[in-house]
Amino acid sequence: MNDQLTGDATAAARHARYGSLPGRIPFEDMTEEVDAGGGGGEAGAYNPEGSWKYYSCLALDLGL
């Protein structure tokens, strides 16, 4: 019986300190629709002639 009173007192103290949980947030309020931008124009376009600038090889970096 003492355990039940202790549990009730603990629960009452917890409820007094923290209160209750906030209400649920609807899914519509959690999402935001944004129009997707373009492909980046010239900067985002693939350029096969300039791709060598971004090539990395460990053997070349080490001078082997």
Protein backbone atom coordinates (compact mmCIF):
# COMPACT_ATOMS: atom_id res chain seq x y z
CA MET A 1 0.00 0.00 0.00
CA ASN A 2 2.89 2.32 0.72
CA ASP A 3 4.28 1.70 -2.78
CA GLN A 4 1.00 2.80 -4.32
CA LEU A 5 0.95 6.03 -2.31
CA THR A 6 4.58 6.70 -3.23
CA GLY A 7 3.79 6.10 -6.90
CA ASP A 8 0.79 8.44 -6.76
CA ALA A 9 2.83 11.12 -5.01
CA THR A 10 5.61 10.73 -7.57
CA ALA A 11 3.15 10.93 -10.44
CA ALA A 12 1.51 14.01 -8.92
CA ALA A 13 4.88 15.71 -8.48
CA ARG A 14 5.86 14.87 -12.06
CA HIS A 15 2.54 16.21 -13.38
CA ALA A 16 2.93 19.40 -11.33
CA ARG A 17 6.44 19.95 -12.69
CA TYR A 18 5.98 19.05 -16.35
CA GLY A 19 2.23 19.37 -16.90
CA SER A 20 0.84 17.56 -19.90
CA LEU A 21 2.14 16.87 -23.38
CA PRO A 22 1.29 19.34 -26.12
CA GLY A 23 -1.42 18.43 -28.62
CA ARG A 24 -0.62 16.62 -31.84
CA ILE A 25 0.54 18.66 -34.82
CA PRO A 26 -1.33 17.93 -38.06
CA PHE A 27 0.76 16.54 -40.93
CA GLU A 28 -0.15 19.54 -43.10
CA ASP A 29 1.58 21.84 -40.61
CA MET A 30 4.76 19.73 -40.64
CA THR A 31 5.32 19.92 -44.39
CA GLU A 32 6.07 22.83 -46.67
CA GLU A 33 5.76 22.85 -50.43
CA VAL A 34 8.43 24.79 -52.29
CA ASP A 35 8.87 25.02 -56.03
CA ALA A 36 12.06 23.37 -57.19
CA GLY A 37 14.57 25.69 -58.78
CA GLY A 38 16.14 25.20 -62.15
CA GLY A 39 19.13 23.02 -62.89
CA GLY A 40 21.57 25.77 -62.02
CA GLY A 41 21.89 27.18 -65.52
CA GLU A 42 25.38 27.19 -67.00
CA ALA A 43 27.05 26.51 -63.68
CA GLY A 44 25.09 23.30 -63.12
CA ALA A 45 25.32 21.97 -66.66
CA TYR A 46 27.60 19.04 -67.44
CA ASN A 47 30.66 20.04 -69.41
CA PRO A 48 32.59 17.01 -70.71
CA GLU A 49 35.53 19.17 -71.87
CA GLY A 50 36.00 20.66 -68.42
CA SER A 51 35.56 17.39 -66.50
CA TRP A 52 39.33 16.79 -66.38
CA LYS A 53 39.59 19.60 -63.83
CA TYR A 54 37.76 17.49 -61.25
CA TYR A 55 39.56 14.21 -61.93
CA SER A 56 41.59 12.91 -59.04
CA CYS A 57 43.97 9.99 -59.05
CA LEU A 58 45.96 8.94 -56.00
CA ALA A 59 48.83 7.66 -58.11
CA LEU A 60 49.14 11.02 -59.89
CA ASP A 61 48.84 12.90 -56.61
CA LEU A 62 51.73 10.86 -55.17
CA GLY A 63 53.82 11.35 -58.32
CA LEU A 64 53.97 7.65 -59.16
